[in-house]
Protein backbone atom coordinates (compact mmCIF):
# COMPACT_ATOMS: atom_id res chain seq x y z
CA MET A 1 14.33 -181.97 135.16
CA GLN A 2 10.84 -180.55 135.48
CA THR A 3 7.69 -182.78 136.32
CA GLU A 4 5.43 -183.73 133.07
CA GLN A 5 2.64 -181.57 134.62
CA SER A 6 5.24 -178.71 135.18
CA LYS A 7 6.75 -179.03 131.42
CA TYR A 8 3.19 -178.41 129.98
CA ALA A 9 2.36 -175.50 132.40
CA ALA A 10 5.34 -174.11 130.90
CA VAL A 11 5.17 -174.95 127.31
CA TRP A 12 1.53 -173.52 127.10
CA ASN A 13 2.97 -169.89 128.17
CA HIS A 14 4.53 -169.74 124.64
CA GLU A 15 1.71 -168.92 121.83
CA ALA A 16 4.13 -170.61 119.34
CA TYR A 17 2.95 -174.04 120.93
CA ARG A 18 -0.95 -172.72 120.79
CA ALA A 19 -0.52 -172.02 116.92
CA VAL A 20 -1.66 -175.46 116.15
CA ALA A 21 -4.11 -177.68 117.55
CA PRO A 22 -4.13 -180.73 115.99
CA GLY A 23 -7.35 -182.16 117.44
CA GLU A 24 -9.24 -179.39 115.39
CA TYR A 25 -8.16 -181.16 111.76
CA HIS A 26 -9.61 -184.32 113.04
CA VAL A 27 -13.30 -183.32 114.09
CA GLU A 28 -14.56 -184.31 110.73
CA ARG A 29 -13.38 -187.60 110.49
CA PHE A 30 -14.28 -188.56 114.10
CA LEU A 31 -17.98 -187.42 113.66
CA GLU A 32 -18.25 -189.22 110.55
CA LEU A 33 -17.22 -192.19 112.31
CA ALA A 34 -18.94 -191.92 115.50
CA LYS A 35 -21.98 -189.98 114.71
CA PRO A 36 -22.74 -188.44 118.16
CA THR A 37 -25.97 -186.87 118.79
CA SER A 38 -26.98 -184.11 121.02
CA ALA A 39 -27.57 -186.55 123.52
CA SER A 40 -24.17 -188.22 123.41
CA THR A 41 -21.31 -187.37 125.60
CA ILE A 42 -17.68 -187.27 124.59
CA ILE A 43 -14.46 -186.87 126.76
CA ASP A 44 -11.44 -185.05 124.85
CA PHE A 45 -8.48 -186.91 126.52
CA GLY A 46 -5.75 -184.11 126.84
CA SER A 47 -7.54 -181.46 125.27
CA GLY A 48 -5.03 -178.90 125.08
CA THR A 49 -6.04 -175.58 123.93
CA GLY A 50 -9.73 -176.84 123.71
CA ARG A 51 -10.21 -175.76 119.94
CA GLY A 52 -10.73 -179.57 118.99
CA ALA A 53 -13.33 -180.10 121.73
CA LEU A 54 -14.91 -176.86 121.09
CA LYS A 55 -15.66 -177.74 117.55
CA LEU A 56 -16.96 -181.15 118.59
CA HIS A 57 -19.37 -179.51 120.81
CA LEU A 58 -21.01 -176.89 118.25
CA LEU A 59 -20.94 -179.26 115.32
CA SER A 60 -22.70 -182.30 117.26
CA GLY A 61 -24.60 -180.63 120.05
CA ALA A 62 -23.30 -183.33 122.24
CA THR A 63 -22.03 -182.56 125.91
CA VAL A 64 -18.23 -182.53 125.72
CA THR A 65 -15.95 -182.86 128.97
CA MET A 66 -12.24 -181.57 128.52
CA LEU A 67 -9.41 -183.50 130.28
CA ASP A 68 -6.21 -182.05 130.88
CA PHE A 69 -3.51 -182.02 133.38
CA ALA A 70 -2.25 -178.34 132.61
CA ASP A 71 -4.97 -175.91 133.97
CA ASN A 72 -3.63 -173.10 131.81
CA ALA A 73 -3.77 -175.25 128.20
CA LEU A 74 -7.23 -173.70 127.31
CA ASP A 75 -7.28 -171.01 124.87
CA HIS A 76 -9.16 -167.84 126.48
CA SER A 77 -11.68 -168.03 123.47
CA VAL A 78 -12.47 -171.69 124.68
CA ARG A 79 -13.15 -170.69 128.36
CA GLU A 80 -15.63 -168.05 127.17
CA HIS A 81 -17.92 -170.86 126.28
CA LEU A 82 -17.46 -173.05 129.21
CA SER A 83 -20.99 -174.31 130.46
CA GLU A 84 -22.77 -177.33 131.92
CA SER A 85 -22.46 -179.09 128.81
CA PHE A 86 -19.06 -177.80 127.75
CA ARG A 87 -16.56 -178.59 130.89
CA PHE A 88 -12.99 -178.31 131.72
CA VAL A 89 -11.54 -180.92 134.19
CA GLN A 90 -7.95 -180.76 135.50
CA HIS A 91 -6.86 -184.47 135.67
CA ASP A 92 -3.78 -186.56 135.05
CA LEU A 93 -4.42 -189.57 132.72
CA THR A 94 -2.27 -191.73 134.83
CA THR A 95 -4.72 -191.73 137.38
CA THR A 96 -8.08 -193.44 137.63
CA LEU A 97 -11.26 -191.89 135.99
CA THR A 98 -14.51 -191.11 137.62
CA GLU A 99 -16.00 -189.50 133.83
CA ARG A 100 -17.87 -191.78 131.78
CA ALA A 101 -19.02 -191.08 128.36
CA ASP A 102 -20.22 -192.58 125.05
CA TYR A 103 -17.09 -191.82 123.07
CA GLY A 104 -13.43 -190.29 123.49
CA PHE A 105 -11.40 -188.29 121.46
CA CYS A 106 -7.70 -188.34 122.30
CA THR A 107 -5.40 -186.50 119.34
CA ASP A 108 -1.87 -185.65 119.89
CA VAL A 109 -1.49 -186.89 123.27
CA LEU A 110 -0.23 -190.45 123.41
CA GLU A 111 3.15 -189.77 121.70
CA HIS A 112 3.69 -186.99 124.71
CA ILE A 113 3.09 -190.00 127.43
CA PRO A 114 6.32 -191.75 128.94
CA PRO A 115 6.59 -195.15 127.85
CA GLU A 116 6.33 -196.72 131.33
CA ASP A 117 2.68 -195.00 131.72
CA ILE A 118 1.34 -195.88 128.26
CA ASP A 119 -0.58 -199.13 129.24
CA ARG A 120 -1.94 -197.32 132.48
CA VAL A 121 -2.98 -194.09 130.29
CA LEU A 122 -4.72 -196.61 127.50
CA THR A 123 -6.54 -198.59 129.92
CA ASN A 124 -7.52 -195.48 132.09
CA ILE A 125 -9.13 -194.13 128.70
CA ALA A 126 -10.68 -197.34 127.51
CA LEU A 127 -12.50 -197.26 131.08
CA GLY A 128 -13.76 -193.98 130.36
CA ALA A 129 -15.30 -194.01 126.90
CA ARG A 130 -16.98 -196.54 124.84
CA HIS A 131 -15.48 -195.73 121.51
CA ILE A 132 -12.49 -193.65 120.93
CA TYR A 133 -10.76 -191.79 118.40
CA PHE A 134 -7.11 -191.89 118.48
CA ALA A 135 -4.64 -189.64 116.60
CA ILE A 136 -1.04 -190.34 117.62
CA SER A 137 2.21 -188.70 116.04
CA THR A 138 5.04 -191.11 114.75
CA GLN A 139 7.37 -188.12 114.86
CA PRO A 140 9.81 -186.50 117.09
CA ASP A 141 8.45 -183.09 118.62
CA HIS A 142 9.99 -179.71 117.14
CA LEU A 143 8.63 -177.52 119.81
CA GLY A 144 10.15 -178.90 122.93
CA ALA A 145 13.15 -176.36 122.37
CA LEU A 146 10.89 -173.87 123.75
CA ILE A 147 11.51 -174.78 126.97
CA GLY A 148 14.60 -177.11 126.54
CA GLU A 149 12.73 -180.34 126.97
CA THR A 150 11.48 -183.42 124.87
CA LEU A 151 8.03 -183.45 124.64
CA HIS A 152 7.47 -186.64 122.36
CA LEU A 153 8.36 -189.58 124.85
CA THR A 154 7.03 -192.42 123.08
CA VAL A 155 7.75 -192.34 119.36
CA ARG A 156 7.02 -195.18 117.76
CA ASP A 157 5.74 -196.70 114.11
CA PRO A 158 2.15 -197.47 113.24
CA VAL A 159 2.91 -201.29 113.80
CA TRP A 160 3.90 -200.73 117.38
CA TRP A 161 1.11 -198.96 118.31
CA HIS A 162 -1.19 -201.11 116.58
CA GLU A 163 0.47 -204.56 118.64
CA LYS A 164 0.10 -202.21 121.53
CA PHE A 165 -3.82 -201.73 121.29
CA THR A 166 -4.55 -205.17 120.50
CA ASP A 167 -2.52 -206.35 123.29
CA LEU A 168 -4.33 -204.38 125.82
CA GLY A 169 -7.88 -205.88 124.27
CA PHE A 170 -8.86 -203.00 122.30
CA ARG A 171 -11.00 -203.80 119.37
CA ILE A 172 -9.71 -201.61 116.54
CA ASP A 173 -12.90 -200.90 114.13
CA ASN A 174 -11.05 -198.54 111.66
CA SER A 175 -7.31 -197.71 111.40
CA TRP A 176 -5.46 -195.31 109.07
CA CYS A 177 -1.58 -193.94 108.93
CA SER A 178 0.51 -191.60 107.16
CA ASP A 179 3.83 -190.52 107.14
CA ASP A 180 3.73 -188.88 110.38
CA VAL A 181 0.72 -189.89 111.98
CA VAL A 182 -1.33 -193.30 112.83
CA ILE A 183 -5.29 -193.04 113.66
CA PHE A 184 -7.44 -195.85 115.43
CA TYR A 185 -11.03 -195.81 115.84
CA ALA A 186 -11.12 -198.38 118.77
CA SER A 187 -13.14 -199.70 121.92
CA GLY A 188 -11.87 -201.22 125.16
CA TYR A 189 -15.32 -203.01 125.07
CA MET A 190 -15.75 -206.63 123.33
CA ASN A 191 -18.81 -207.13 121.53
CA ALA A 192 -20.36 -210.71 121.22
CA ASP A 193 -18.43 -211.50 117.73
CA ASP A 194 -15.19 -210.80 119.98
CA ILE A 195 -16.26 -213.00 122.76
CA LEU A 196 -17.53 -216.02 120.31
CA GLU A 197 -13.94 -215.73 118.90
CA VAL A 198 -12.19 -216.57 121.92
CA ALA A 199 -15.18 -218.68 123.40
CA LYS A 200 -14.19 -222.41 123.81
CA LEU A 201 -16.87 -225.09 122.37
CA ASN A 202 -18.01 -226.84 125.41
CA MET A 203 -17.58 -230.21 123.56
CA GLU A 204 -15.39 -231.52 121.09
CA ASP A 205 -16.59 -231.76 117.46
CA GLU A 206 -16.09 -235.62 117.20
CA GLU A 207 -18.24 -235.83 120.41
CA VAL A 208 -21.23 -233.63 118.88
CA LYS A 209 -21.10 -235.81 115.57
CA ASN A 210 -21.40 -238.91 117.38
CA ASN A 211 -24.50 -237.77 119.15
CA ILE A 212 -25.76 -236.94 116.14
CA ARG A 213 -25.22 -240.24 114.43
CA ALA A 214 -26.43 -242.25 117.48
CA ASN A 215 -29.88 -240.36 117.88
CA LEU A 216 -30.47 -240.08 114.13
CA ALA A 217 -30.17 -244.30 114.31
CA LEU A 218 -33.01 -244.34 117.10
CA GLY A 219 -35.50 -243.51 114.31
CA LEU A 220 -37.07 -241.09 116.53
CA LYS A 221 -40.04 -238.75 115.00
CA GLU A 222 -38.70 -235.19 114.16
CA VAL A 223 -40.17 -231.71 114.90
CA GLU A 224 -42.14 -230.32 111.54
CA PRO A 225 -44.10 -227.08 111.00
CA HIS A 226 -47.62 -227.30 112.24
CA GLN A 227 -50.60 -225.06 111.86
CA THR A 228 -50.87 -221.57 113.39
CA GLN A 229 -52.39 -221.32 116.41
CA THR A 230 -53.04 -217.93 116.76
CA ASP A 231 -54.84 -217.27 119.82
CA GLN A 232 -53.11 -219.82 122.13
CA VAL A 233 -50.60 -218.05 124.68
CA VAL A 234 -47.59 -219.99 125.46
CA TYR A 235 -45.44 -219.21 128.37
CA LEU A 236 -41.79 -220.12 127.99
CA LEU A 237 -39.36 -220.36 130.85
CA ALA A 238 -35.73 -219.54 130.86
CA GLY A 239 -33.73 -219.77 134.06
CA GLY A 240 -32.54 -216.29 134.92
CA PRO A 241 -32.92 -215.01 138.14
CA SER A 242 -36.13 -212.81 137.66
CA LEU A 243 -37.91 -216.04 136.86
CA ALA A 244 -38.58 -216.39 140.76
CA ASP A 245 -40.28 -212.86 140.50
CA PHE A 246 -42.89 -214.24 138.65
CA GLU A 247 -43.37 -217.58 140.53
CA ASP A 248 -47.23 -216.90 141.61
CA GLN A 249 -48.11 -215.97 137.94
CA ILE A 250 -46.66 -218.99 136.73
CA ILE A 251 -48.29 -221.05 139.08
CA GLU A 252 -51.50 -219.89 138.68
CA SER A 253 -51.47 -219.92 134.89
CA GLY A 254 -50.17 -223.66 134.71
CA LYS A 255 -53.23 -224.41 137.25
CA SER A 256 -55.47 -222.88 134.80
CA GLY A 257 -54.07 -225.12 132.00
CA LEU A 258 -52.24 -222.72 130.12
CA PRO A 259 -49.29 -224.57 128.32
CA ILE A 260 -45.91 -223.76 129.80
CA VAL A 261 -42.45 -225.03 127.93
CA THR A 262 -39.45 -225.11 130.01
CA VAL A 263 -35.98 -225.42 129.02
CA ASN A 264 -33.01 -227.21 130.98
CA GLY A 265 -33.19 -226.46 134.74
CA THR A 266 -36.59 -224.85 134.53
CA TYR A 267 -38.56 -228.01 133.96
CA GLY A 268 -37.19 -229.08 137.31
CA TRP A 269 -38.23 -226.03 138.88
CA LEU A 270 -41.73 -226.18 137.35
CA LEU A 271 -42.32 -229.69 138.49
CA ASP A 272 -41.17 -228.61 142.19
CA ARG A 273 -44.01 -226.30 142.23
CA GLY A 274 -46.34 -228.90 141.01
CA ILE A 275 -46.84 -227.68 137.20
CA LYS A 276 -46.29 -230.30 134.59
CA PRO A 277 -44.66 -228.76 131.68
CA ALA A 278 -46.05 -229.19 128.43
CA ALA A 279 -42.78 -229.36 126.98
CA GLN A 280 -39.23 -229.60 127.53
CA ILE A 281 -36.52 -228.11 125.08
CA MET A 282 -32.97 -228.99 125.12
CA VAL A 283 -29.89 -228.42 122.90
CA ASP A 284 -26.54 -228.77 124.80
CA GLY A 285 -24.92 -231.82 124.35
CA ARG A 286 -23.12 -232.67 127.59
CA ALA A 287 -23.80 -235.57 129.45
CA PHE A 288 -24.55 -233.80 132.78
CA ASN A 289 -27.75 -232.52 131.35
CA LYS A 290 -29.01 -235.85 131.74
CA ARG A 291 -30.10 -234.81 135.36
CA PHE A 292 -32.53 -232.08 134.34
CA VAL A 293 -35.01 -234.72 132.98
CA ASP A 294 -34.58 -237.44 135.50
CA ARG A 295 -38.46 -237.24 136.06
CA HIS A 296 -40.64 -238.16 133.39
CA VAL A 297 -43.90 -236.60 133.09
CA ASP A 298 -46.40 -238.72 130.71
CA SER A 299 -47.89 -235.50 129.23
CA CYS A 300 -44.91 -233.73 128.44
CA LYS A 301 -43.25 -233.69 124.79
CA TYR A 302 -39.36 -233.66 124.95
CA LEU A 303 -38.12 -231.53 122.21
CA VAL A 304 -34.40 -232.42 122.05
CA SER A 305 -31.95 -231.43 119.66
CA SER A 306 -29.72 -234.03 117.89
CA GLN A 307 -26.79 -232.87 119.09
CA CYS A 308 -27.76 -233.79 122.85
CA ASP A 309 -26.29 -236.76 124.95
CA ASN A 310 -27.44 -240.00 123.55
CA GLU A 311 -27.85 -241.79 126.67
CA LEU A 312 -29.81 -238.69 127.59
CA VAL A 313 -32.18 -239.19 124.66
CA LYS A 314 -32.51 -242.92 125.24
CA SER A 315 -33.51 -242.51 128.60
CA LEU A 316 -36.87 -240.68 127.49
CA PRO A 317 -40.13 -241.98 126.63
CA ARG A 318 -39.77 -242.70 122.98
CA ASN A 319 -43.43 -241.75 122.05
CA GLN A 320 -43.15 -238.42 123.68
CA THR A 321 -39.86 -237.44 122.27
CA LEU A 322 -39.25 -235.53 119.33
CA LEU A 323 -35.47 -234.79 117.54
CA TRP A 324 -34.58 -231.45 115.95
CA HIS A 325 -31.49 -230.09 114.28
CA SER A 326 -29.81 -227.14 114.34
CA ALA A 327 -29.69 -224.91 111.40
CA ASN A 328 -26.44 -222.76 110.28
CA THR A 329 -24.38 -225.37 112.21
CA PRO A 330 -21.48 -226.88 110.43
CA ILE A 331 -21.00 -229.93 112.44
CA VAL A 332 -24.78 -230.61 112.20
CA SER A 333 -24.91 -230.08 108.27
CA GLU A 334 -22.03 -232.42 107.86
CA VAL A 335 -23.78 -235.16 109.97
CA LEU A 336 -26.87 -234.95 108.00
CA GLU A 337 -25.40 -234.78 104.65
CA GLU A 338 -24.09 -238.17 105.41
CA THR A 339 -27.78 -239.49 105.73
CA PRO A 340 -28.96 -240.44 102.42
CA GLY A 341 -32.24 -238.85 101.41
CA TYR A 342 -32.17 -237.11 104.70
CA SER A 343 -35.14 -234.12 104.47
CA GLY A 344 -35.91 -232.30 107.54
CA TYR A 345 -36.74 -228.86 109.06
CA PRO A 346 -33.64 -227.64 110.74
CA VAL A 347 -34.24 -224.89 113.56
CA ALA A 348 -32.21 -221.76 113.28
CA GLY A 349 -31.26 -219.60 115.92
CA GLY A 350 -28.23 -219.07 118.39
CA THR A 351 -25.97 -220.64 120.42
CA THR A 352 -28.35 -220.92 123.68
CA VAL A 353 -31.60 -222.97 124.13
CA ILE A 354 -34.15 -220.19 124.55
CA THR A 355 -33.23 -218.30 121.35
CA ARG A 356 -33.49 -221.82 119.39
CA ALA A 357 -36.67 -222.63 121.40
CA LEU A 358 -38.35 -219.17 120.15
CA VAL A 359 -37.72 -220.38 116.60
CA LEU A 360 -39.07 -224.18 117.46
CA LEU A 361 -42.19 -222.80 118.78
CA ALA A 362 -42.67 -220.25 115.89
CA MET A 363 -42.23 -223.37 113.86
CA LEU A 364 -45.13 -225.16 115.71
CA GLY A 365 -47.33 -222.46 114.86
CA PHE A 366 -47.32 -220.49 118.15
CA ARG A 367 -47.68 -216.71 117.70
CA ASN A 368 -48.22 -215.25 121.40
CA ILE A 369 -45.39 -216.13 123.66
CA GLU A 370 -44.26 -214.82 126.91
CA VAL A 371 -40.96 -215.48 127.99
CA PHE A 372 -39.82 -215.44 131.76
CA GLY A 373 -36.52 -215.42 133.58
CA PHE A 374 -34.95 -214.44 130.06
CA ASP A 375 -32.66 -212.16 131.94
CA SER A 376 -29.07 -212.80 129.83
CA CYS A 377 -27.45 -210.85 132.81
CA LEU A 378 -26.51 -211.15 136.57
CA ARG A 379 -28.55 -210.20 139.38
CA GLY A 380 -26.01 -209.54 142.25
CA GLU A 381 -23.97 -212.80 141.90
CA ALA A 382 -26.85 -214.94 140.69
CA HIS A 383 -26.84 -216.39 137.22
CA HIS A 384 -29.99 -218.80 137.50
CA ALA A 385 -32.83 -218.57 139.71
CA TYR A 386 -31.74 -221.89 141.15
CA ALA A 387 -28.57 -223.50 141.77
CA GLN A 388 -26.55 -224.20 138.44
CA GLN A 389 -22.74 -225.01 139.46
CA GLU A 390 -21.76 -225.09 135.84
CA ASN A 391 -21.96 -221.32 135.61
CA ASP A 392 -20.36 -220.40 139.10
CA GLY A 393 -17.15 -218.57 139.01
CA GLN A 394 -17.50 -217.56 135.38
CA ARG A 395 -15.88 -214.10 134.51
CA VAL A 396 -17.84 -211.09 134.60
CA LEU A 397 -18.31 -208.61 131.99
CA GLU A 398 -19.95 -205.27 132.01
CA THR A 399 -22.09 -204.70 129.19
CA VAL A 400 -23.60 -201.66 127.96
CA VAL A 401 -27.19 -201.23 126.33
CA GLY A 402 -28.44 -197.45 126.03
CA ASP A 403 -28.52 -195.97 129.18
CA ARG A 404 -27.96 -199.10 131.54
CA THR A 405 -25.08 -201.10 132.40
CA PHE A 406 -25.55 -204.91 132.94
CA ARG A 407 -22.94 -207.63 134.58
CA CYS A 408 -22.86 -210.58 132.44
CA HIS A 409 -21.15 -213.83 131.89
CA GLY A 410 -19.77 -214.21 128.35
CA TRP A 411 -22.44 -216.62 127.02
CA MET A 412 -25.08 -214.07 128.42
CA VAL A 413 -23.75 -211.56 126.21
CA ILE A 414 -23.73 -213.80 122.91
CA GLN A 415 -27.27 -215.00 123.79
CA ALA A 416 -28.15 -211.10 123.75
CA GLU A 417 -26.49 -210.52 120.61
CA ASP A 418 -28.08 -214.32 119.22
CA PHE A 419 -31.82 -213.08 120.31
CA MET A 420 -31.48 -209.77 118.45
CA LYS A 421 -30.44 -211.37 115.21
CA THR A 422 -33.35 -214.40 116.08
CA ILE A 423 -36.10 -212.18 116.61
CA ARG A 424 -35.38 -210.07 113.36
CA HIS A 425 -35.30 -213.52 111.71
CA ILE A 426 -38.63 -214.44 112.91
CA LEU A 427 -40.24 -210.90 112.03
CA GLY A 428 -39.03 -211.23 108.82
CA LEU A 429 -40.95 -214.65 108.19
CA ILE A 430 -44.05 -213.95 110.79
CA PRO A 431 -44.75 -210.41 110.98
CA ASP A 432 -47.78 -211.42 113.19
CA PHE A 433 -45.33 -213.13 115.79
CA ASN A 434 -45.91 -211.46 119.39
CA LEU A 435 -43.31 -211.82 121.94
CA VAL A 436 -43.25 -210.62 125.49
CA VAL A 437 -40.19 -210.72 127.59
CA HIS A 438 -40.98 -210.27 131.37
CA GLY A 439 -38.49 -209.13 133.92
CA ASP A 440 -36.02 -206.25 134.37
CA GLY A 441 -32.85 -208.13 132.71
CA MET A 442 -30.86 -207.07 129.51
CA ILE A 443 -33.09 -208.66 127.03
CA ALA A 444 -36.32 -206.95 128.23
CA HIS A 445 -34.19 -203.69 128.35
CA ILE A 446 -32.87 -204.12 124.76
CA LEU A 447 -36.75 -204.57 123.82
CA ASP A 448 -37.62 -201.56 125.66
CA TYR A 449 -34.81 -199.18 124.67
CA ALA A 450 -35.21 -200.28 121.00
CA ALA A 451 -38.91 -199.46 120.99
CA ARG A 452 -37.97 -195.86 122.73
CA LYS A 453 -35.53 -195.06 119.96
CA ALA A 454 -37.86 -196.29 117.16
CA ALA A 455 -40.53 -193.80 118.75
CA PRO A 456 -41.45 -190.41 117.22
CA GLN A 457 -39.81 -187.69 119.00
CA GLU A 458 -42.22 -185.23 120.28
CA ALA A 459 -41.50 -181.57 119.22
């Protein structure tokens, strides 16, 4: 029996096998879904004749790399177009890829893969491109007879293929099927909603509800909207690794009287440097957070979420503590509805304290906020600018934003997605809201990348 590579080297010598290039018939649908630009990169996984890849290249202007393990597969007319932006690389898809691209195109390929290699090939493809168009035949082949071999080795129905993709962790964004083909537009990359779907809440619902009820019973003053403070700049300190890069600037500004707002562990970080926080914001309901505020400051306002641990809230100076409630959180809403006549000002935002803090500060009238340490990504192995063992050992995900890849924990990806939604929410209500995110982390890059994409292109 011939090897898989020698089979295809032999069959490509037959003009009858070249007569139809299935990829050509999928180009328009792929372009409609992916919308690649001339700046995009595309890999054609198992390019065959190359006619589909050439059509992709000519219609989109994108850089296209063709991969196939038969070096005689390309049509001569396709070879004539080879260039720096239209390449052919001989490659076996069962082996690790070094090529990377924005999009993948894989038509009339997977049914040719031996069943025992399917998982490996799909994994390699997922690592090679962020969004991939797959078209897979669900019928036996008819042209293997040209060389006395079977060419379609994995002939399965659409349900089987769908389960295979989802079992391997693909996110399927679109799918179609007909009598003889199944099509998936999919990605091996998770988005924030996928991560949130599988993430576990760090507390049980009843614990959160009990905290809210107990904190409401304390009768604390609650946060409410304030007059606009147009000229006042406020520093907001998140705990990411880049916080340390700006230590001197933060200390100097704090000594000059500029108000500095902290969250969680940045409260202690600032105190250790001889500067008193103007305010400390907290949202996490777990009891261990009490350690963050074990040193009380007579000039600090403690803005604590109603879902915070009740013992933590009770430990704070009563006349310096203000309560606030997370908006758009069913658990919070359920408890507040139990309170007759309650009318407050719930604070919108995301799943982490820093995104809620931005909305909270906007509610308090501040319009010029500079954020430090808001990285939402790792630097090396460091997740914070200080030790925080609760975050040690978490799974690391590679996260792509435009032209950079960041290493993140799952909560960081969700936080970045929350930030984008939160800033749109704030700007929709307060057009003159000014935000500066210092550092080289993922959040600063999101803002920079968005600004570059929105800028008019020079002719």
